Amino acid sequence: MGTTNIDYVVLTGDTWLIVDSRGCGAGTLGLDSKRRGVLVGPDGTARAEEWLDDGRAYSRAGVLYRLTDGVQGQTAWIVPDTTLLHPSIQQAACCRRGGLVLPMRAVTDGYLNEHFPEPQRPADPSQIARLSAHLSTRQEQQE
């Protein structure tokens, strides 16, 4: 969808999910005193995590909403299990309209099953076609 880097889009008959992986690393992810995203490493050093400050996920999700005839969905950012989540993460710009920041273990432990209860109807082929016209894959070269 344009220059947006989305790792996965899961589309069913009833809902969709945008999944974006974030390789933050070890430490605690949350907001600093100025309400900006930060990862505090085990040694106490802080590194900006600007993706937490991005409220545009809502507009990107709106593209899927329109392309799927108004099907509701969710955005999830997946961080490594070595990344701890501070409670302030819920106030991050990327989460304010319902986005989720989850550790990988939440995904592998079935947390997303509540968003996709079984059975799920297959996605409408016309919605897949409309969505596919706006997606592209690009593999980055490894050095």
N, C-alpha and C. Protein backbone atom coordinates (compact mmCIF):
# COMPACT_ATOMS: atom_id res chain seq x y z
N MET A 1 0.85 -1.17 0.00
CA MET A 1 0.00 0.00 0.00
C MET A 1 0.89 1.23 0.00
N GLY A 2 1.25 1.65 -1.20
CA GLY A 2 2.17 2.77 -1.33
C GLY A 2 3.54 2.39 -0.84
N THR A 3 4.15 3.23 -0.03
CA THR A 3 5.48 2.94 0.50
C THR A 3 5.42 2.35 1.90
N THR A 4 4.22 2.01 2.35
CA THR A 4 4.06 1.43 3.68
C THR A 4 4.70 0.05 3.75
N ASN A 5 5.46 -0.19 4.79
CA ASN A 5 6.09 -1.49 4.99
C ASN A 5 5.23 -2.29 5.96
N ILE A 6 4.41 -3.16 5.43
CA ILE A 6 3.57 -4.05 6.23
C ILE A 6 4.08 -5.46 6.03
N ASP A 7 4.33 -6.17 7.12
CA ASP A 7 4.86 -7.52 6.99
C ASP A 7 3.80 -8.52 6.56
N TYR A 8 2.62 -8.46 7.18
CA TYR A 8 1.56 -9.42 6.85
C TYR A 8 0.20 -8.75 6.93
N VAL A 9 -0.70 -9.21 6.09
CA VAL A 9 -2.12 -8.87 6.20
C VAL A 9 -2.87 -10.18 6.24
N VAL A 10 -3.63 -10.39 7.30
CA VAL A 10 -4.47 -11.57 7.44
C VAL A 10 -5.89 -11.13 7.15
N LEU A 11 -6.53 -11.76 6.18
CA LEU A 11 -7.89 -11.39 5.79
C LEU A 11 -8.78 -12.61 5.85
N THR A 12 -9.88 -12.50 6.59
CA THR A 12 -10.88 -13.57 6.63
C THR A 12 -12.20 -12.99 6.16
N GLY A 13 -13.24 -13.75 6.27
CA GLY A 13 -14.55 -13.25 5.87
C GLY A 13 -15.10 -12.22 6.82
N ASP A 14 -14.62 -12.20 8.07
CA ASP A 14 -15.21 -11.35 9.09
C ASP A 14 -14.30 -10.23 9.59
N THR A 15 -13.03 -10.34 9.37
CA THR A 15 -12.10 -9.36 9.92
C THR A 15 -10.76 -9.43 9.20
N TRP A 16 -9.89 -8.49 9.51
CA TRP A 16 -8.53 -8.50 8.98
C TRP A 16 -7.57 -8.07 10.08
N LEU A 17 -6.30 -8.36 9.87
CA LEU A 17 -5.26 -7.99 10.82
C LEU A 17 -4.03 -7.58 10.04
N ILE A 18 -3.49 -6.41 10.36
CA ILE A 18 -2.20 -5.98 9.84
C ILE A 18 -1.17 -6.35 10.90
N VAL A 19 -0.12 -7.05 10.49
CA VAL A 19 0.94 -7.45 11.41
C VAL A 19 2.24 -6.81 10.95
N ASP A 20 2.88 -6.08 11.86
CA ASP A 20 4.14 -5.43 11.57
C ASP A 20 5.16 -5.87 12.62
N SER A 21 6.24 -6.48 12.20
CA SER A 21 7.27 -6.95 13.13
C SER A 21 8.23 -5.82 13.47
N ARG A 22 8.63 -5.76 14.72
CA ARG A 22 9.59 -4.75 15.17
C ARG A 22 10.71 -5.45 15.94
N GLY A 23 11.91 -5.35 15.44
CA GLY A 23 13.06 -5.98 16.08
C GLY A 23 13.72 -5.08 17.09
N CYS A 24 13.02 -4.76 18.16
CA CYS A 24 13.51 -3.79 19.15
C CYS A 24 14.76 -4.27 19.89
N GLY A 25 14.74 -5.54 20.27
CA GLY A 25 15.83 -6.06 21.08
C GLY A 25 15.45 -6.10 22.55
N ALA A 26 16.43 -6.45 23.37
CA ALA A 26 16.20 -6.60 24.80
C ALA A 26 16.03 -5.25 25.47
N GLY A 27 15.18 -5.21 26.47
CA GLY A 27 14.94 -3.99 27.22
C GLY A 27 13.47 -3.82 27.51
N THR A 28 13.13 -2.62 27.96
CA THR A 28 11.74 -2.30 28.29
C THR A 28 11.26 -1.21 27.34
N LEU A 29 10.17 -1.50 26.66
CA LEU A 29 9.60 -0.60 25.67
C LEU A 29 8.46 0.18 26.30
N GLY A 30 8.47 1.49 26.13
CA GLY A 30 7.41 2.31 26.70
C GLY A 30 7.56 3.74 26.24
N LEU A 31 7.01 4.67 27.01
CA LEU A 31 7.09 6.09 26.70
C LEU A 31 7.97 6.78 27.72
N ASP A 32 8.73 7.79 27.25
CA ASP A 32 9.56 8.57 28.16
C ASP A 32 8.73 9.69 28.79
N SER A 33 9.37 10.57 29.52
CA SER A 33 8.66 11.65 30.21
C SER A 33 8.00 12.63 29.24
N LYS A 34 8.45 12.67 27.99
CA LYS A 34 7.84 13.54 26.98
C LYS A 34 6.81 12.79 26.14
N ARG A 35 6.45 11.58 26.58
CA ARG A 35 5.43 10.74 25.92
C ARG A 35 5.86 10.25 24.55
N ARG A 36 7.18 10.08 24.36
CA ARG A 36 7.71 9.55 23.10
C ARG A 36 8.22 8.13 23.33
N GLY A 37 8.13 7.32 22.26
CA GLY A 37 8.54 5.93 22.36
C GLY A 37 10.02 5.77 22.63
N VAL A 38 10.33 4.84 23.54
CA VAL A 38 11.73 4.61 23.90
C VAL A 38 11.91 3.16 24.34
N LEU A 39 13.09 2.62 24.05
CA LEU A 39 13.48 1.30 24.57
C LEU A 39 14.63 1.54 25.53
N VAL A 40 14.43 1.14 26.78
CA VAL A 40 15.49 1.24 27.78
C VAL A 40 16.15 -0.12 27.88
N GLY A 41 17.42 -0.17 27.48
CA GLY A 41 18.15 -1.43 27.46
C GLY A 41 18.48 -1.93 28.85
N PRO A 42 18.94 -3.17 28.97
CA PRO A 42 19.30 -3.74 30.27
C PRO A 42 20.39 -2.94 30.98
N ASP A 43 21.22 -2.22 30.21
CA ASP A 43 22.28 -1.41 30.80
C ASP A 43 21.82 0.00 31.15
N GLY A 44 20.53 0.31 30.93
CA GLY A 44 19.98 1.62 31.28
C GLY A 44 20.02 2.65 30.16
N THR A 45 20.65 2.32 29.05
CA THR A 45 20.69 3.26 27.94
C THR A 45 19.33 3.30 27.24
N ALA A 46 18.95 4.49 26.80
CA ALA A 46 17.65 4.68 26.15
C ALA A 46 17.85 4.92 24.65
N ARG A 47 17.00 4.30 23.86
CA ARG A 47 17.04 4.48 22.40
C ARG A 47 15.62 4.81 21.94
N ALA A 48 15.51 5.84 21.10
CA ALA A 48 14.20 6.25 20.59
C ALA A 48 13.60 5.13 19.75
N GLU A 49 12.32 4.90 19.91
CA GLU A 49 11.54 3.96 19.10
C GLU A 49 10.41 4.77 18.47
N GLU A 50 10.75 5.46 17.39
CA GLU A 50 9.84 6.43 16.79
C GLU A 50 8.57 5.81 16.22
N TRP A 51 8.58 4.54 15.90
CA TRP A 51 7.39 3.89 15.37
C TRP A 51 6.24 3.93 16.37
N LEU A 52 6.55 4.01 17.67
CA LEU A 52 5.49 4.12 18.68
C LEU A 52 4.77 5.46 18.60
N ASP A 53 5.43 6.46 18.02
CA ASP A 53 4.87 7.80 17.93
C ASP A 53 4.08 8.02 16.64
N ASP A 54 3.92 6.98 15.86
CA ASP A 54 3.27 7.10 14.56
C ASP A 54 1.78 6.80 14.68
N GLY A 55 0.95 7.83 14.56
CA GLY A 55 -0.50 7.64 14.63
C GLY A 55 -1.13 7.36 13.29
N ARG A 56 -0.32 7.25 12.23
CA ARG A 56 -0.87 7.03 10.89
C ARG A 56 -1.34 5.61 10.65
N ALA A 57 -1.11 4.71 11.58
CA ALA A 57 -1.57 3.33 11.40
C ALA A 57 -3.07 3.30 11.18
N TYR A 58 -3.77 4.24 11.80
CA TYR A 58 -5.22 4.30 11.64
C TYR A 58 -5.61 4.59 10.19
N SER A 59 -4.90 5.51 9.54
CA SER A 59 -5.22 5.81 8.14
C SER A 59 -4.81 4.67 7.23
N ARG A 60 -3.71 3.98 7.54
CA ARG A 60 -3.33 2.81 6.74
C ARG A 60 -4.37 1.71 6.89
N ALA A 61 -4.88 1.54 8.11
CA ALA A 61 -5.93 0.56 8.33
C ALA A 61 -7.19 0.95 7.57
N GLY A 62 -7.41 2.26 7.40
CA GLY A 62 -8.57 2.72 6.65
C GLY A 62 -8.54 2.26 5.21
N VAL A 63 -7.35 2.08 4.65
CA VAL A 63 -7.23 1.57 3.28
C VAL A 63 -7.82 0.16 3.23
N LEU A 64 -7.45 -0.69 4.18
CA LEU A 64 -8.00 -2.05 4.21
C LEU A 64 -9.50 -2.02 4.44
N TYR A 65 -9.94 -1.13 5.29
CA TYR A 65 -11.38 -1.00 5.57
C TYR A 65 -12.14 -0.72 4.28
N ARG A 66 -11.62 0.21 3.47
CA ARG A 66 -12.30 0.56 2.21
C ARG A 66 -12.21 -0.57 1.19
N LEU A 67 -11.06 -1.22 1.12
CA LEU A 67 -10.88 -2.27 0.11
C LEU A 67 -11.63 -3.54 0.44
N THR A 68 -12.08 -3.67 1.67
CA THR A 68 -12.81 -4.88 2.07
C THR A 68 -14.28 -4.58 2.38
N ASP A 69 -14.80 -3.53 1.78
CA ASP A 69 -16.22 -3.19 1.93
C ASP A 69 -16.64 -2.97 3.38
N GLY A 70 -15.78 -2.35 4.16
CA GLY A 70 -16.15 -1.99 5.52
C GLY A 70 -15.92 -3.06 6.56
N VAL A 71 -15.16 -4.10 6.25
CA VAL A 71 -14.84 -5.11 7.26
C VAL A 71 -13.91 -4.47 8.30
N GLN A 72 -14.20 -4.69 9.57
CA GLN A 72 -13.40 -4.13 10.66
C GLN A 72 -12.13 -4.95 10.87
N GLY A 73 -11.11 -4.32 11.41
CA GLY A 73 -9.87 -5.03 11.64
C GLY A 73 -9.05 -4.46 12.76
N GLN A 74 -7.81 -4.88 12.81
CA GLN A 74 -6.90 -4.56 13.92
C GLN A 74 -5.49 -4.45 13.37
N THR A 75 -4.65 -3.66 14.03
CA THR A 75 -3.23 -3.58 13.71
C THR A 75 -2.45 -4.09 14.90
N ALA A 76 -1.42 -4.90 14.65
CA ALA A 76 -0.59 -5.43 15.72
C ALA A 76 0.88 -5.28 15.37
N TRP A 77 1.65 -4.77 16.32
CA TRP A 77 3.10 -4.70 16.18
C TRP A 77 3.67 -5.78 17.08
N ILE A 78 4.50 -6.64 16.50
CA ILE A 78 5.05 -7.79 17.23
C ILE A 78 6.52 -7.52 17.55
N VAL A 79 6.86 -7.61 18.83
CA VAL A 79 8.23 -7.37 19.28
C VAL A 79 8.81 -8.69 19.81
N PRO A 80 10.14 -8.77 19.90
CA PRO A 80 10.75 -10.01 20.40
C PRO A 80 10.35 -10.30 21.85
N ASP A 81 10.45 -11.54 22.23
CA ASP A 81 10.14 -11.93 23.61
C ASP A 81 11.09 -11.29 24.61
N THR A 82 12.27 -10.85 24.17
CA THR A 82 13.22 -10.20 25.06
C THR A 82 12.85 -8.74 25.33
N THR A 83 11.80 -8.24 24.66
CA THR A 83 11.33 -6.87 24.86
C THR A 83 10.18 -6.89 25.87
N LEU A 84 10.38 -6.25 27.00
CA LEU A 84 9.32 -6.13 28.00
C LEU A 84 8.48 -4.92 27.67
N LEU A 85 7.20 -4.96 27.97
CA LEU A 85 6.28 -3.87 27.67
C LEU A 85 5.89 -3.12 28.94
N HIS A 86 6.25 -1.86 28.99
CA HIS A 86 5.87 -1.00 30.11
C HIS A 86 4.39 -0.62 29.95
N PRO A 87 3.64 -0.46 31.03
CA PRO A 87 2.21 -0.10 30.91
C PRO A 87 1.97 1.18 30.09
N SER A 88 2.94 2.08 30.04
CA SER A 88 2.75 3.33 29.29
C SER A 88 2.57 3.08 27.79
N ILE A 89 2.90 1.89 27.33
CA ILE A 89 2.79 1.56 25.91
C ILE A 89 1.35 1.74 25.42
N GLN A 90 0.38 1.57 26.30
CA GLN A 90 -1.02 1.70 25.92
C GLN A 90 -1.37 3.13 25.50
N GLN A 91 -0.56 4.10 25.91
CA GLN A 91 -0.80 5.50 25.55
C GLN A 91 0.01 5.94 24.34
N ALA A 92 0.76 5.04 23.74
CA ALA A 92 1.55 5.37 22.55
C ALA A 92 0.62 5.73 21.40
N ALA A 93 1.08 6.63 20.54
CA ALA A 93 0.26 7.08 19.40
C ALA A 93 -0.19 5.91 18.54
N CYS A 94 0.66 4.92 18.35
CA CYS A 94 0.30 3.79 17.50
C CYS A 94 -0.81 2.93 18.10
N CYS A 95 -1.05 3.05 19.41
CA CYS A 95 -2.06 2.23 20.09
C CYS A 95 -3.35 2.97 20.39
N ARG A 96 -3.37 4.27 20.25
CA ARG A 96 -4.52 5.06 20.71
C ARG A 96 -5.84 4.69 20.07
N ARG A 97 -5.82 4.17 18.87
CA ARG A 97 -7.08 3.82 18.21
C ARG A 97 -7.25 2.30 18.11
N GLY A 98 -6.68 1.60 19.06
CA GLY A 98 -6.93 0.17 19.13
C GLY A 98 -5.81 -0.73 18.66
N GLY A 99 -4.66 -0.16 18.32
CA GLY A 99 -3.53 -1.00 17.92
C GLY A 99 -2.97 -1.78 19.10
N LEU A 100 -2.32 -2.87 18.80
CA LEU A 100 -1.76 -3.74 19.84
C LEU A 100 -0.25 -3.83 19.67
N VAL A 101 0.49 -3.78 20.75
CA VAL A 101 1.91 -4.13 20.75
C VAL A 101 2.01 -5.40 21.57
N LEU A 102 2.51 -6.45 20.94
CA LEU A 102 2.53 -7.77 21.57
C LEU A 102 3.90 -8.42 21.43
N PRO A 103 4.32 -9.16 22.44
CA PRO A 103 5.53 -9.97 22.28
C PRO A 103 5.22 -11.19 21.42
N MET A 104 6.23 -11.75 20.80
CA MET A 104 6.04 -12.92 19.94
C MET A 104 5.36 -14.05 20.69
N ARG A 105 5.65 -14.22 21.97
CA ARG A 105 5.04 -15.33 22.74
C ARG A 105 3.52 -15.21 22.80
N ALA A 106 2.99 -13.99 22.75
CA ALA A 106 1.53 -13.83 22.75
C ALA A 106 0.93 -14.42 21.48
N VAL A 107 1.63 -14.25 20.37
CA VAL A 107 1.14 -14.80 19.11
C VAL A 107 1.23 -16.31 19.12
N THR A 108 2.39 -16.84 19.54
CA THR A 108 2.57 -18.28 19.53
C THR A 108 1.72 -18.98 20.60
N ASP A 109 1.33 -18.25 21.65
CA ASP A 109 0.48 -18.82 22.70
C ASP A 109 -1.01 -18.71 22.37
N GLY A 110 -1.35 -18.16 21.21
CA GLY A 110 -2.73 -18.13 20.77
C GLY A 110 -3.52 -16.89 21.15
N TYR A 111 -2.85 -15.80 21.53
CA TYR A 111 -3.55 -14.59 21.93
C TYR A 111 -4.48 -14.06 20.84
N LEU A 112 -4.05 -14.16 19.58
CA LEU A 112 -4.85 -13.62 18.49
C LEU A 112 -6.06 -14.48 18.15
N ASN A 113 -6.17 -15.66 18.76
CA ASN A 113 -7.32 -16.52 18.50
C ASN A 113 -8.64 -15.83 18.88
N GLU A 114 -8.59 -14.94 19.88
CA GLU A 114 -9.81 -14.23 20.27
C GLU A 114 -10.26 -13.26 19.18
N HIS A 115 -9.33 -12.82 18.34
CA HIS A 115 -9.69 -11.94 17.23
C HIS A 115 -10.15 -12.73 16.00
N PHE A 116 -9.78 -14.00 15.95
CA PHE A 116 -10.14 -14.86 14.83
C PHE A 116 -10.74 -16.15 15.35
N PRO A 117 -11.89 -16.08 16.02
CA PRO A 117 -12.47 -17.32 16.55
C PRO A 117 -12.86 -18.25 15.42
N GLU A 118 -12.75 -19.53 15.69
CA GLU A 118 -13.10 -20.53 14.67
C GLU A 118 -14.59 -20.82 14.75
N PRO A 119 -15.22 -21.15 13.65
CA PRO A 119 -14.64 -21.17 12.31
C PRO A 119 -14.70 -19.77 11.68
N GLN A 120 -13.77 -19.48 10.81
CA GLN A 120 -13.75 -18.22 10.06
C GLN A 120 -14.15 -18.50 8.62
N ARG A 121 -15.01 -17.66 8.09
CA ARG A 121 -15.36 -17.79 6.68
C ARG A 121 -14.15 -17.38 5.84
N PRO A 122 -14.00 -17.96 4.65
CA PRO A 122 -12.92 -17.51 3.78
C PRO A 122 -13.16 -16.06 3.35
N ALA A 123 -12.09 -15.38 3.02
CA ALA A 123 -12.20 -14.01 2.53
C ALA A 123 -12.88 -14.00 1.18
N ASP A 124 -13.61 -12.94 0.91
CA ASP A 124 -14.29 -12.76 -0.37
C ASP A 124 -13.24 -12.60 -1.47
N PRO A 125 -13.30 -13.40 -2.53
CA PRO A 125 -12.30 -13.30 -3.61
C PRO A 125 -12.21 -11.90 -4.22
N SER A 126 -13.32 -11.16 -4.27
CA SER A 126 -13.25 -9.80 -4.83
C SER A 126 -12.47 -8.87 -3.90
N GLN A 127 -12.58 -9.09 -2.59
CA GLN A 127 -11.80 -8.29 -1.65
C GLN A 127 -10.32 -8.60 -1.75
N ILE A 128 -10.00 -9.87 -1.94
CA ILE A 128 -8.60 -10.27 -2.12
C ILE A 128 -8.04 -9.63 -3.38
N ALA A 129 -8.81 -9.63 -4.44
CA ALA A 129 -8.35 -9.03 -5.71
C ALA A 129 -8.11 -7.53 -5.55
N ARG A 130 -9.04 -6.83 -4.89
CA ARG A 130 -8.86 -5.39 -4.68
C ARG A 130 -7.65 -5.10 -3.82
N LEU A 131 -7.47 -5.89 -2.78
CA LEU A 131 -6.34 -5.70 -1.89
C LEU A 131 -5.03 -6.02 -2.58
N SER A 132 -4.99 -7.10 -3.33
CA SER A 132 -3.77 -7.52 -4.03
C SER A 132 -3.27 -6.47 -5.01
N ALA A 133 -4.18 -5.72 -5.58
CA ALA A 133 -3.79 -4.69 -6.54
C ALA A 133 -2.99 -3.56 -5.87
N HIS A 134 -3.08 -3.46 -4.55
CA HIS A 134 -2.40 -2.39 -3.82
C HIS A 134 -1.19 -2.88 -3.03
N LEU A 135 -0.92 -4.17 -3.08
CA LEU A 135 0.20 -4.73 -2.33
C LEU A 135 1.30 -5.16 -3.29
N SER A 136 2.50 -5.06 -2.81
CA SER A 136 3.63 -5.57 -3.59
C SER A 136 4.61 -6.19 -2.62
N THR A 137 5.44 -7.05 -3.13
CA THR A 137 6.48 -7.65 -2.30
C THR A 137 7.81 -7.20 -2.82
N ARG A 138 8.71 -6.94 -1.90
CA ARG A 138 10.04 -6.52 -2.25
C ARG A 138 10.97 -7.15 -1.23
N GLN A 139 11.91 -7.90 -1.75
CA GLN A 139 12.85 -8.55 -0.86
C GLN A 139 14.12 -7.72 -0.78
N GLU A 140 14.51 -7.36 0.44
CA GLU A 140 15.72 -6.57 0.62
C GLU A 140 16.93 -7.48 0.46
N GLN A 141 17.96 -6.95 -0.17
CA GLN A 141 19.17 -7.72 -0.36
C GLN A 141 19.93 -7.84 0.95
N GLN A 142 20.42 -9.02 1.21
CA GLN A 142 21.23 -9.29 2.40
C GLN A 142 22.69 -9.00 2.08
N GLU A 143 23.38 -8.33 2.99
CA GLU A 143 24.81 -8.05 2.78
C GLU A 143 25.67 -9.05 3.49
